[in-house]
Protein backbone atom coordinates (compact mmCIF):
# COMPACT_ATOMS: atom_id res chain seq x y z
CA UNK A 1 0.00 0.00 0.00
CA UNK A 2 1.26 3.46 -0.93
CA UNK A 3 0.32 6.03 1.75
CA UNK A 4 0.85 9.15 -0.37
CA UNK A 5 0.98 9.04 -4.14
CA UNK A 6 1.35 12.81 -4.40
CA UNK A 7 3.26 14.85 -1.84
CA UNK A 8 2.75 18.58 -1.31
CA UNK A 9 6.15 20.25 -0.97
CA UNK A 10 5.25 23.91 -1.37
CA UNK A 11 2.08 25.94 -1.72
CA UNK A 12 1.72 28.89 -4.05
CA UNK A 13 1.51 29.52 -7.77
CA UNK A 14 3.60 27.48 -10.18
CA UNK A 15 5.12 28.22 -13.58
CA UNK A 16 6.03 25.06 -15.47
CA UNK A 17 7.98 24.81 -18.71
CA UNK A 18 8.15 21.00 -18.70
CA UNK A 19 7.54 18.12 -16.31
CA UNK A 20 10.73 18.65 -14.32
CA UNK A 21 11.27 22.34 -15.09
CA UNK A 22 9.00 24.30 -12.79
CA UNK A 23 9.09 26.93 -10.09
CA UNK A 24 6.58 27.37 -7.27
CA UNK A 25 6.38 31.02 -6.16
CA UNK A 26 4.35 33.72 -4.45
CA UNK A 27 3.65 36.90 -6.38
CA UNK A 28 4.88 39.91 -4.47
CA UNK A 29 4.30 43.60 -4.58
CA UNK A 30 5.87 45.87 -7.24
CA UNK A 31 6.40 42.96 -9.70
CA UNK A 32 8.75 41.11 -7.34
CA UNK A 33 8.23 37.40 -6.79
CA UNK A 34 9.23 35.16 -3.90
CA UNK A 35 10.53 31.91 -5.33
CA UNK A 36 9.91 28.94 -3.08
CA UNK A 37 12.02 26.34 -4.90
CA UNK A 38 13.71 26.86 -8.27
CA UNK A 39 14.02 23.71 -10.36
CA UNK A 40 17.60 23.03 -11.48
CA UNK A 41 16.72 20.13 -13.79
CA UNK A 42 18.93 20.19 -16.87
CA UNK A 43 21.00 23.09 -15.52
CA UNK A 44 23.15 21.44 -12.84
CA UNK A 45 26.07 20.80 -15.14
CA UNK A 46 26.42 24.45 -16.11
CA UNK A 47 28.62 26.97 -14.32
CA UNK A 48 27.41 30.30 -12.99
CA UNK A 49 27.71 32.70 -15.97
CA UNK A 50 28.35 35.68 -13.65
CA UNK A 51 31.12 34.15 -11.58
CA UNK A 52 32.08 30.61 -12.64
CA UNK A 53 34.76 30.24 -9.96
CA UNK A 54 32.46 31.10 -7.02
CA UNK A 55 29.59 29.02 -5.71
CA UNK A 56 26.91 31.65 -5.07
CA UNK A 57 23.95 30.21 -3.11
CA UNK A 58 20.55 31.52 -2.06
CA UNK A 59 19.30 31.38 1.52
CA UNK A 60 17.62 28.01 0.91
CA UNK A 61 20.74 26.47 -0.67
CA UNK A 62 19.87 26.81 -4.37
CA UNK A 63 22.26 28.27 -6.89
CA UNK A 64 21.82 32.04 -7.23
CA UNK A 65 22.07 32.26 -11.02
CA UNK A 66 19.28 29.71 -11.49
CA UNK A 67 17.12 31.63 -9.01
CA UNK A 68 17.81 34.86 -10.94
CA UNK A 69 16.93 33.20 -14.26
CA UNK A 70 13.60 31.90 -12.91
CA UNK A 71 12.83 35.33 -11.42
CA UNK A 72 13.38 36.88 -14.86
CA UNK A 73 11.16 34.25 -16.53
CA UNK A 74 8.35 34.97 -14.07
CA UNK A 75 8.70 38.74 -14.47
CA UNK A 76 8.96 38.52 -18.28
CA UNK A 77 5.73 36.51 -18.35
CA UNK A 78 3.80 39.59 -17.26
CA UNK A 79 6.19 42.27 -18.60
CA UNK A 80 7.86 41.51 -21.96
CA UNK A 81 10.24 44.46 -21.39
CA UNK A 82 11.60 43.03 -18.11
CA UNK A 83 15.33 43.59 -17.79
CA UNK A 84 17.59 40.56 -18.15
CA UNK A 85 19.59 39.56 -15.07
CA UNK A 86 23.33 40.18 -15.04
PDB file of N, CA and C in Angstrom:
ATOM      1  N   UNK A   1       0.837  -1.173   0.000  1.00  0.00           N
ATOM      2  CA  UNK A   1       0.000   0.000   0.000  1.00  0.00           C
ATOM      3  C   UNK A   1       0.888   1.245   0.000  1.00  0.00           C
ATOM      4  N   UNK A   2       0.536   2.203  -0.837  1.00  0.00           N
ATOM      5  CA  UNK A   2       1.259   3.464  -0.931  1.00  0.00           C
ATOM      6  C   UNK A   2       0.480   4.508  -0.143  1.00  0.00           C
ATOM      7  N   UNK A   3       1.062   5.065   0.935  1.00  0.00           N
ATOM      8  CA  UNK A   3       0.318   6.028   1.752  1.00  0.00           C
ATOM      9  C   UNK A   3       0.033   7.346   1.039  1.00  0.00           C
ATOM     10  N   UNK A   4       1.017   7.871   0.320  1.00  0.00           N
ATOM     11  CA  UNK A   4       0.846   9.154  -0.371  1.00  0.00           C
ATOM     12  C   UNK A   4       1.399   9.051  -1.783  1.00  0.00           C
ATOM     13  N   UNK A   5       0.527   9.073  -2.761  1.00  0.00           N
ATOM     14  CA  UNK A   5       0.981   9.037  -4.143  1.00  0.00           C
ATOM     15  C   UNK A   5       1.556  10.400  -4.527  1.00  0.00           C
ATOM     16  N   UNK A   6       0.886  11.451  -4.135  1.00  0.00           N
ATOM     17  CA  UNK A   6       1.353  12.810  -4.395  1.00  0.00           C
ATOM     18  C   UNK A   6       1.702  13.475  -3.076  1.00  0.00           C
ATOM     19  N   UNK A   7       2.807  14.186  -3.061  1.00  0.00           N
ATOM     20  CA  UNK A   7       3.264  14.850  -1.842  1.00  0.00           C
ATOM     21  C   UNK A   7       3.312  16.355  -2.081  1.00  0.00           C
ATOM     22  N   UNK A   8       2.706  17.134  -1.215  1.00  0.00           N
ATOM     23  CA  UNK A   8       2.748  18.582  -1.311  1.00  0.00           C
ATOM     24  C   UNK A   8       4.044  19.075  -0.679  1.00  0.00           C
ATOM     25  N   UNK A   9       4.894  19.707  -1.491  1.00  0.00           N
ATOM     26  CA  UNK A   9       6.149  20.250  -0.968  1.00  0.00           C
ATOM     27  C   UNK A   9       6.020  21.728  -0.646  1.00  0.00           C
ATOM     28  N   UNK A  10       5.402  22.465  -1.523  1.00  0.00           N
ATOM     29  CA  UNK A  10       5.253  23.906  -1.365  1.00  0.00           C
ATOM     30  C   UNK A  10       3.852  24.300  -1.803  1.00  0.00           C
ATOM     31  N   UNK A  11       3.370  25.408  -1.285  1.00  0.00           N
ATOM     32  CA  UNK A  11       2.080  25.938  -1.716  1.00  0.00           C
ATOM     33  C   UNK A  11       2.301  27.329  -2.305  1.00  0.00           C
ATOM     34  N   UNK A  12       1.606  27.611  -3.373  1.00  0.00           N
ATOM     35  CA  UNK A  12       1.722  28.895  -4.047  1.00  0.00           C
ATOM     36  C   UNK A  12       1.361  28.710  -5.508  1.00  0.00           C
ATOM     37  N   UNK A  13       1.713  29.653  -6.334  1.00  0.00           N
ATOM     38  CA  UNK A  13       1.510  29.522  -7.770  1.00  0.00           C
ATOM     39  C   UNK A  13       2.684  28.750  -8.349  1.00  0.00           C
ATOM     40  N   UNK A  14       2.522  28.239  -9.558  1.00  0.00           N
ATOM     41  CA  UNK A  14       3.602  27.482 -10.181  1.00  0.00           C
ATOM     42  C   UNK A  14       3.674  27.818 -11.658  1.00  0.00           C
ATOM     43  N   UNK A  15       4.871  28.028 -12.157  1.00  0.00           N
ATOM     44  CA  UNK A  15       5.117  28.221 -13.577  1.00  0.00           C
ATOM     45  C   UNK A  15       5.898  27.002 -14.027  1.00  0.00           C
ATOM     46  N   UNK A  16       5.384  26.281 -15.012  1.00  0.00           N
ATOM     47  CA  UNK A  16       6.033  25.056 -15.468  1.00  0.00           C
ATOM     48  C   UNK A  16       6.331  25.151 -16.958  1.00  0.00           C
ATOM     49  N   UNK A  17       7.569  24.844 -17.315  1.00  0.00           N
ATOM     50  CA  UNK A  17       7.978  24.812 -18.714  1.00  0.00           C
ATOM     51  C   UNK A  17       7.887  23.379 -19.228  1.00  0.00           C
ATOM     52  N   UNK A  18       8.224  22.430 -18.383  1.00  0.00           N
ATOM     53  CA  UNK A  18       8.153  21.001 -18.703  1.00  0.00           C
ATOM     54  C   UNK A  18       7.921  20.255 -17.398  1.00  0.00           C
ATOM     55  N   UNK A  19       7.863  18.922 -17.480  1.00  0.00           N
ATOM     56  CA  UNK A  19       7.539  18.116 -16.308  1.00  0.00           C
ATOM     57  C   UNK A  19       8.489  18.362 -15.146  1.00  0.00           C
ATOM     58  N   UNK A  20       9.768  18.464 -15.403  1.00  0.00           N
ATOM     59  CA  UNK A  20      10.731  18.648 -14.316  1.00  0.00           C
ATOM     60  C   UNK A  20      11.317  20.057 -14.276  1.00  0.00           C
ATOM     61  N   UNK A  21      10.803  20.950 -15.075  1.00  0.00           N
ATOM     62  CA  UNK A  21      11.271  22.340 -15.086  1.00  0.00           C
ATOM     63  C   UNK A  21      10.116  23.228 -14.650  1.00  0.00           C
ATOM     64  N   UNK A  22      10.095  23.525 -13.367  1.00  0.00           N
ATOM     65  CA  UNK A  22       8.996  24.299 -12.790  1.00  0.00           C
ATOM     66  C   UNK A  22       9.515  25.100 -11.600  1.00  0.00           C
ATOM     67  N   UNK A  23       8.722  26.095 -11.233  1.00  0.00           N
ATOM     68  CA  UNK A  23       9.094  26.930 -10.093  1.00  0.00           C
ATOM     69  C   UNK A  23       7.833  27.346  -9.331  1.00  0.00           C
ATOM     70  N   UNK A  24       7.667  26.865  -8.102  1.00  0.00           N
ATOM     71  CA  UNK A  24       6.584  27.374  -7.274  1.00  0.00           C
ATOM     72  C   UNK A  24       6.985  28.722  -6.665  1.00  0.00           C
ATOM     73  N   UNK A  25       6.053  29.658  -6.614  1.00  0.00           N
ATOM     74  CA  UNK A  25       6.376  31.016  -6.158  1.00  0.00           C
ATOM     75  C   UNK A  25       5.146  31.696  -5.595  1.00  0.00           C
ATOM     76  N   UNK A  26       5.403  32.799  -4.887  1.00  0.00           N
ATOM     77  CA  UNK A  26       4.352  33.718  -4.447  1.00  0.00           C
ATOM     78  C   UNK A  26       4.562  35.028  -5.177  1.00  0.00           C
ATOM     79  N   UNK A  27       3.501  35.577  -5.784  1.00  0.00           N
ATOM     80  CA  UNK A  27       3.651  36.905  -6.378  1.00  0.00           C
ATOM     81  C   UNK A  27       3.780  37.943  -5.275  1.00  0.00           C
ATOM     82  N   UNK A  28       4.673  38.872  -5.465  1.00  0.00           N
ATOM     83  CA  UNK A  28       4.884  39.909  -4.466  1.00  0.00           C
ATOM     84  C   UNK A  28       4.413  41.257  -4.965  1.00  0.00           C
ATOM     85  N   UNK A  29       4.662  42.250  -4.171  1.00  0.00           N
ATOM     86  CA  UNK A  29       4.303  43.603  -4.578  1.00  0.00           C
ATOM     87  C   UNK A  29       5.345  44.132  -5.559  1.00  0.00           C
ATOM     88  N   UNK A  30       5.028  45.172  -6.244  1.00  0.00           N
ATOM     89  CA  UNK A  30       5.872  45.866  -7.235  1.00  0.00           C
ATOM     90  C   UNK A  30       6.626  44.903  -8.161  1.00  0.00           C
ATOM     91  N   UNK A  31       5.902  43.910  -8.708  1.00  0.00           N
ATOM     92  CA  UNK A  31       6.403  42.956  -9.697  1.00  0.00           C
ATOM     93  C   UNK A  31       7.525  42.065  -9.182  1.00  0.00           C
ATOM     94  N   UNK A  32       7.748  42.022  -7.896  1.00  0.00           N
ATOM     95  CA  UNK A  32       8.746  41.109  -7.344  1.00  0.00           C
ATOM     96  C   UNK A  32       8.051  39.792  -7.023  1.00  0.00           C
ATOM     97  N   UNK A  33       8.785  38.708  -7.127  1.00  0.00           N
ATOM     98  CA  UNK A  33       8.233  37.401  -6.790  1.00  0.00           C
ATOM     99  C   UNK A  33       9.096  36.757  -5.711  1.00  0.00           C
ATOM    100  N   UNK A  34       8.471  35.917  -4.897  1.00  0.00           N
ATOM    101  CA  UNK A  34       9.235  35.159  -3.905  1.00  0.00           C
ATOM    102  C   UNK A  34       9.242  33.712  -4.353  1.00  0.00           C
ATOM    103  N   UNK A  35      10.395  33.265  -4.829  1.00  0.00           N
ATOM    104  CA  UNK A  35      10.534  31.909  -5.332  1.00  0.00           C
ATOM    105  C   UNK A  35      10.690  30.957  -4.162  1.00  0.00           C
ATOM    106  N   UNK A  36       9.865  29.908  -4.152  1.00  0.00           N
ATOM    107  CA  UNK A  36       9.911  28.941  -3.076  1.00  0.00           C
ATOM    108  C   UNK A  36      10.968  27.866  -3.327  1.00  0.00           C
ATOM    109  N   UNK A  37      11.041  27.376  -4.566  1.00  0.00           N
ATOM    110  CA  UNK A  37      12.016  26.344  -4.904  1.00  0.00           C
ATOM    111  C   UNK A  37      12.231  26.363  -6.412  1.00  0.00           C
ATOM    112  N   UNK A  38      13.415  26.766  -6.847  1.00  0.00           N
ATOM    113  CA  UNK A  38      13.715  26.860  -8.269  1.00  0.00           C
ATOM    114  C   UNK A  38      14.246  25.527  -8.783  1.00  0.00           C
ATOM    115  N   UNK A  39      13.584  24.971  -9.775  1.00  0.00           N
ATOM    116  CA  UNK A  39      14.023  23.708 -10.364  1.00  0.00           C
ATOM    117  C   UNK A  39      15.362  23.902 -11.067  1.00  0.00           C
ATOM    118  N   UNK A  40      16.290  22.977 -10.832  1.00  0.00           N
ATOM    119  CA  UNK A  40      17.601  23.029 -11.483  1.00  0.00           C
ATOM    120  C   UNK A  40      17.746  21.921 -12.523  1.00  0.00           C
ATOM    121  N   UNK A  41      16.657  21.253 -12.860  1.00  0.00           N
ATOM    122  CA  UNK A  41      16.716  20.128 -13.786  1.00  0.00           C
ATOM    123  C   UNK A  41      17.285  20.570 -15.135  1.00  0.00           C
ATOM    124  N   UNK A  42      18.292  19.884 -15.603  1.00  0.00           N
ATOM    125  CA  UNK A  42      18.925  20.188 -16.874  1.00  0.00           C
ATOM    126  C   UNK A  42      19.944  21.307 -16.800  1.00  0.00           C
ATOM    127  N   UNK A  43      20.083  21.961 -15.656  1.00  0.00           N
ATOM    128  CA  UNK A  43      21.001  23.090 -15.522  1.00  0.00           C
ATOM    129  C   UNK A  43      22.163  22.814 -14.566  1.00  0.00           C
ATOM    130  N   UNK A  44      22.141  21.707 -13.871  1.00  0.00           N
ATOM    131  CA  UNK A  44      23.148  21.439 -12.837  1.00  0.00           C
ATOM    132  C   UNK A  44      24.557  21.341 -13.375  1.00  0.00           C
ATOM    133  N   UNK A  45      24.714  20.963 -14.614  1.00  0.00           N
ATOM    134  CA  UNK A  45      26.066  20.805 -15.143  1.00  0.00           C
ATOM    135  C   UNK A  45      26.689  22.120 -15.602  1.00  0.00           C
ATOM    136  N   UNK A  46      25.907  23.169 -15.645  1.00  0.00           N
ATOM    137  CA  UNK A  46      26.415  24.454 -16.112  1.00  0.00           C
ATOM    138  C   UNK A  46      26.994  25.276 -14.964  1.00  0.00           C
ATOM    139  N   UNK A  47      28.007  26.070 -15.298  1.00  0.00           N
ATOM    140  CA  UNK A  47      28.617  26.971 -14.320  1.00  0.00           C
ATOM    141  C   UNK A  47      27.849  28.274 -14.262  1.00  0.00           C
ATOM    142  N   UNK A  48      28.007  28.980 -13.175  1.00  0.00           N
ATOM    143  CA  UNK A  48      27.411  30.302 -12.994  1.00  0.00           C
ATOM    144  C   UNK A  48      27.995  31.247 -14.046  1.00  0.00           C
ATOM    145  N   UNK A  49      27.175  31.817 -14.929  1.00  0.00           N
ATOM    146  CA  UNK A  49      27.706  32.700 -15.968  1.00  0.00           C
ATOM    147  C   UNK A  49      28.273  34.012 -15.429  1.00  0.00           C
ATOM    148  N   UNK A  50      27.860  34.432 -14.233  1.00  0.00           N
ATOM    149  CA  UNK A  50      28.348  35.684 -13.652  1.00  0.00           C
ATOM    150  C   UNK A  50      29.706  35.483 -13.005  1.00  0.00           C
ATOM    151  N   UNK A  51      29.842  34.413 -12.239  1.00  0.00           N
ATOM    152  CA  UNK A  51      31.115  34.152 -11.578  1.00  0.00           C
ATOM    153  C   UNK A  51      31.344  32.644 -11.503  1.00  0.00           C
ATOM    154  N   UNK A  52      31.934  32.061 -12.557  1.00  0.00           N
ATOM    155  CA  UNK A  52      32.083  30.613 -12.637  1.00  0.00           C
ATOM    156  C   UNK A  52      32.998  30.005 -11.574  1.00  0.00           C
ATOM    157  N   UNK A  53      33.852  30.788 -10.960  1.00  0.00           N
ATOM    158  CA  UNK A  53      34.762  30.236  -9.956  1.00  0.00           C
ATOM    159  C   UNK A  53      34.185  30.278  -8.550  1.00  0.00           C
ATOM    160  N   UNK A  54      33.098  31.018  -8.341  1.00  0.00           N
ATOM    161  CA  UNK A  54      32.465  31.104  -7.018  1.00  0.00           C
ATOM    162  C   UNK A  54      31.169  30.310  -7.015  1.00  0.00           C
ATOM    163  N   UNK A  55      30.835  29.760  -5.879  1.00  0.00           N
ATOM    164  CA  UNK A  55      29.590  29.016  -5.714  1.00  0.00           C
ATOM    165  C   UNK A  55      28.606  29.890  -4.956  1.00  0.00           C
ATOM    166  N   UNK A  56      27.883  30.753  -5.687  1.00  0.00           N
ATOM    167  CA  UNK A  56      26.912  31.650  -5.066  1.00  0.00           C
ATOM    168  C   UNK A  56      25.633  30.880  -4.784  1.00  0.00           C
ATOM    169  N   UNK A  57      25.140  30.952  -3.528  1.00  0.00           N
ATOM    170  CA  UNK A  57      23.947  30.214  -3.115  1.00  0.00           C
ATOM    171  C   UNK A  57      22.898  31.165  -2.549  1.00  0.00           C
ATOM    172  N   UNK A  58      21.646  30.765  -2.673  1.00  0.00           N
ATOM    173  CA  UNK A  58      20.548  31.522  -2.064  1.00  0.00           C
ATOM    174  C   UNK A  58      20.411  31.084  -0.610  1.00  0.00           C
ATOM    175  N   UNK A  59      19.506  31.708   0.107  1.00  0.00           N
ATOM    176  CA  UNK A  59      19.302  31.382   1.525  1.00  0.00           C
ATOM    177  C   UNK A  59      18.840  29.939   1.720  1.00  0.00           C
ATOM    178  N   UNK A  60      18.093  29.394   0.754  1.00  0.00           N
ATOM    179  CA  UNK A  60      17.616  28.015   0.906  1.00  0.00           C
ATOM    180  C   UNK A  60      18.551  26.989   0.268  1.00  0.00           C
ATOM    181  N   UNK A  61      19.731  27.403  -0.172  1.00  0.00           N
ATOM    182  CA  UNK A  61      20.738  26.469  -0.672  1.00  0.00           C
ATOM    183  C   UNK A  61      20.783  26.298  -2.172  1.00  0.00           C
ATOM    184  N   UNK A  62      19.857  26.909  -2.907  1.00  0.00           N
ATOM    185  CA  UNK A  62      19.871  26.811  -4.367  1.00  0.00           C
ATOM    186  C   UNK A  62      20.940  27.700  -4.971  1.00  0.00           C
ATOM    187  N   UNK A  63      21.248  27.445  -6.225  1.00  0.00           N
ATOM    188  CA  UNK A  63      22.256  28.273  -6.890  1.00  0.00           C
ATOM    189  C   UNK A  63      21.638  29.606  -7.320  1.00  0.00           C
ATOM    190  N   UNK A  64      22.341  30.685  -7.033  1.00  0.00           N
ATOM    191  CA  UNK A  64      21.824  32.040  -7.227  1.00  0.00           C
ATOM    192  C   UNK A  64      21.487  32.329  -8.683  1.00  0.00           C
ATOM    193  N   UNK A  65      22.327  31.906  -9.613  1.00  0.00           N
ATOM    194  CA  UNK A  65      22.074  32.261 -11.016  1.00  0.00           C
ATOM    195  C   UNK A  65      20.819  31.580 -11.555  1.00  0.00           C
ATOM    196  N   UNK A  66      20.503  30.394 -11.058  1.00  0.00           N
ATOM    197  CA  UNK A  66      19.282  29.713 -11.491  1.00  0.00           C
ATOM    198  C   UNK A  66      18.068  30.429 -10.893  1.00  0.00           C
ATOM    199  N   UNK A  67      18.184  30.849  -9.659  1.00  0.00           N
ATOM    200  CA  UNK A  67      17.121  31.634  -9.008  1.00  0.00           C
ATOM    201  C   UNK A  67      16.875  32.922  -9.793  1.00  0.00           C
ATOM    202  N   UNK A  68      17.943  33.617 -10.178  1.00  0.00           N
ATOM    203  CA  UNK A  68      17.807  34.861 -10.943  1.00  0.00           C
ATOM    204  C   UNK A  68      17.152  34.615 -12.309  1.00  0.00           C
ATOM    205  N   UNK A  69      17.514  33.520 -12.958  1.00  0.00           N
ATOM    206  CA  UNK A  69      16.931  33.196 -14.260  1.00  0.00           C
ATOM    207  C   UNK A  69      15.427  32.927 -14.136  1.00  0.00           C
ATOM    208  N   UNK A  70      15.024  32.161 -13.115  1.00  0.00           N
ATOM    209  CA  UNK A  70      13.599  31.904 -12.907  1.00  0.00           C
ATOM    210  C   UNK A  70      12.853  33.195 -12.563  1.00  0.00           C
ATOM    211  N   UNK A  71      13.465  34.051 -11.768  1.00  0.00           N
ATOM    212  CA  UNK A  71      12.826  35.325 -11.420  1.00  0.00           C
ATOM    213  C   UNK A  71      12.586  36.148 -12.688  1.00  0.00           C
ATOM    214  N   UNK A  72      13.552  36.142 -13.599  1.00  0.00           N
ATOM    215  CA  UNK A  72      13.384  36.878 -14.858  1.00  0.00           C
ATOM    216  C   UNK A  72      12.267  36.254 -15.691  1.00  0.00           C
ATOM    217  N   UNK A  73      12.219  34.920 -15.762  1.00  0.00           N
ATOM    218  CA  UNK A  73      11.164  34.248 -16.528  1.00  0.00           C
ATOM    219  C   UNK A  73       9.787  34.629 -15.980  1.00  0.00           C
ATOM    220  N   UNK A  74       9.646  34.623 -14.679  1.00  0.00           N
ATOM    221  CA  UNK A  74       8.352  34.973 -14.066  1.00  0.00           C
ATOM    222  C   UNK A  74       7.993  36.432 -14.320  1.00  0.00           C
ATOM    223  N   UNK A  75       8.973  37.323 -14.221  1.00  0.00           N
ATOM    224  CA  UNK A  75       8.703  38.740 -14.469  1.00  0.00           C
ATOM    225  C   UNK A  75       8.421  39.002 -15.945  1.00  0.00           C
ATOM    226  N   UNK A  76       9.144  38.324 -16.842  1.00  0.00           N
ATOM    227  CA  UNK A  76       8.958  38.523 -18.279  1.00  0.00           C
ATOM    228  C   UNK A  76       7.613  37.980 -18.747  1.00  0.00           C
ATOM    229  N   UNK A  77       7.044  37.053 -17.998  1.00  0.00           N
ATOM    230  CA  UNK A  77       5.732  36.507 -18.353  1.00  0.00           C
ATOM    231  C   UNK A  77       4.665  37.596 -18.311  1.00  0.00           C
ATOM    232  N   UNK A  78       4.782  38.512 -17.361  1.00  0.00           N
ATOM    233  CA  UNK A  78       3.797  39.592 -17.255  1.00  0.00           C
ATOM    234  C   UNK A  78       4.300  40.909 -17.857  1.00  0.00           C
ATOM    235  N   UNK A  79       5.614  41.047 -18.041  1.00  0.00           N
ATOM    236  CA  UNK A  79       6.190  42.274 -18.601  1.00  0.00           C
ATOM    237  C   UNK A  79       7.254  41.897 -19.632  1.00  0.00           C
ATOM    238  N   UNK A  80       6.901  41.909 -20.925  1.00  0.00           N
ATOM    239  CA  UNK A  80       7.861  41.513 -21.960  1.00  0.00           C
ATOM    240  C   UNK A  80       9.116  42.386 -22.008  1.00  0.00           C
ATOM    241  N   UNK A  81       9.069  43.569 -21.396  1.00  0.00           N
ATOM    242  CA  UNK A  81      10.235  44.461 -21.385  1.00  0.00           C
ATOM    243  C   UNK A  81      11.062  44.313 -20.115  1.00  0.00           C
ATOM    244  N   UNK A  82      10.854  43.247 -19.359  1.00  0.00           N
ATOM    245  CA  UNK A  82      11.604  43.029 -18.113  1.00  0.00           C
ATOM    246  C   UNK A  82      13.105  42.948 -18.422  1.00  0.00           C
ATOM    247  N   UNK A  83      13.893  43.580 -17.574  1.00  0.00           N
ATOM    248  CA  UNK A  83      15.334  43.587 -17.790  1.00  0.00           C
ATOM    249  C   UNK A  83      15.932  42.220 -17.518  1.00  0.00           C
ATOM    250  N   UNK A  84      16.886  41.823 -18.356  1.00  0.00           N
ATOM    251  CA  UNK A  84      17.586  40.561 -18.145  1.00  0.00           C
ATOM    252  C   UNK A  84      18.466  40.645 -16.918  1.00  0.00           C
ATOM    253  N   UNK A  85      18.659  39.536 -16.210  1.00  0.00           N
ATOM    254  CA  UNK A  85      19.592  39.555 -15.071  1.00  0.00           C
ATOM    255  C   UNK A  85      21.018  39.704 -15.567  1.00  0.00           C
ATOM    256  N   UNK A  86      21.932  40.016 -14.648  1.00  0.00           N
ATOM    257  CA  UNK A  86      23.331  40.182 -15.037  1.00  0.00           C
ATOM    258  C   UNK A  86      23.858  38.955 -15.746  1.00  0.00           C
TER     259      UNK A  86
END
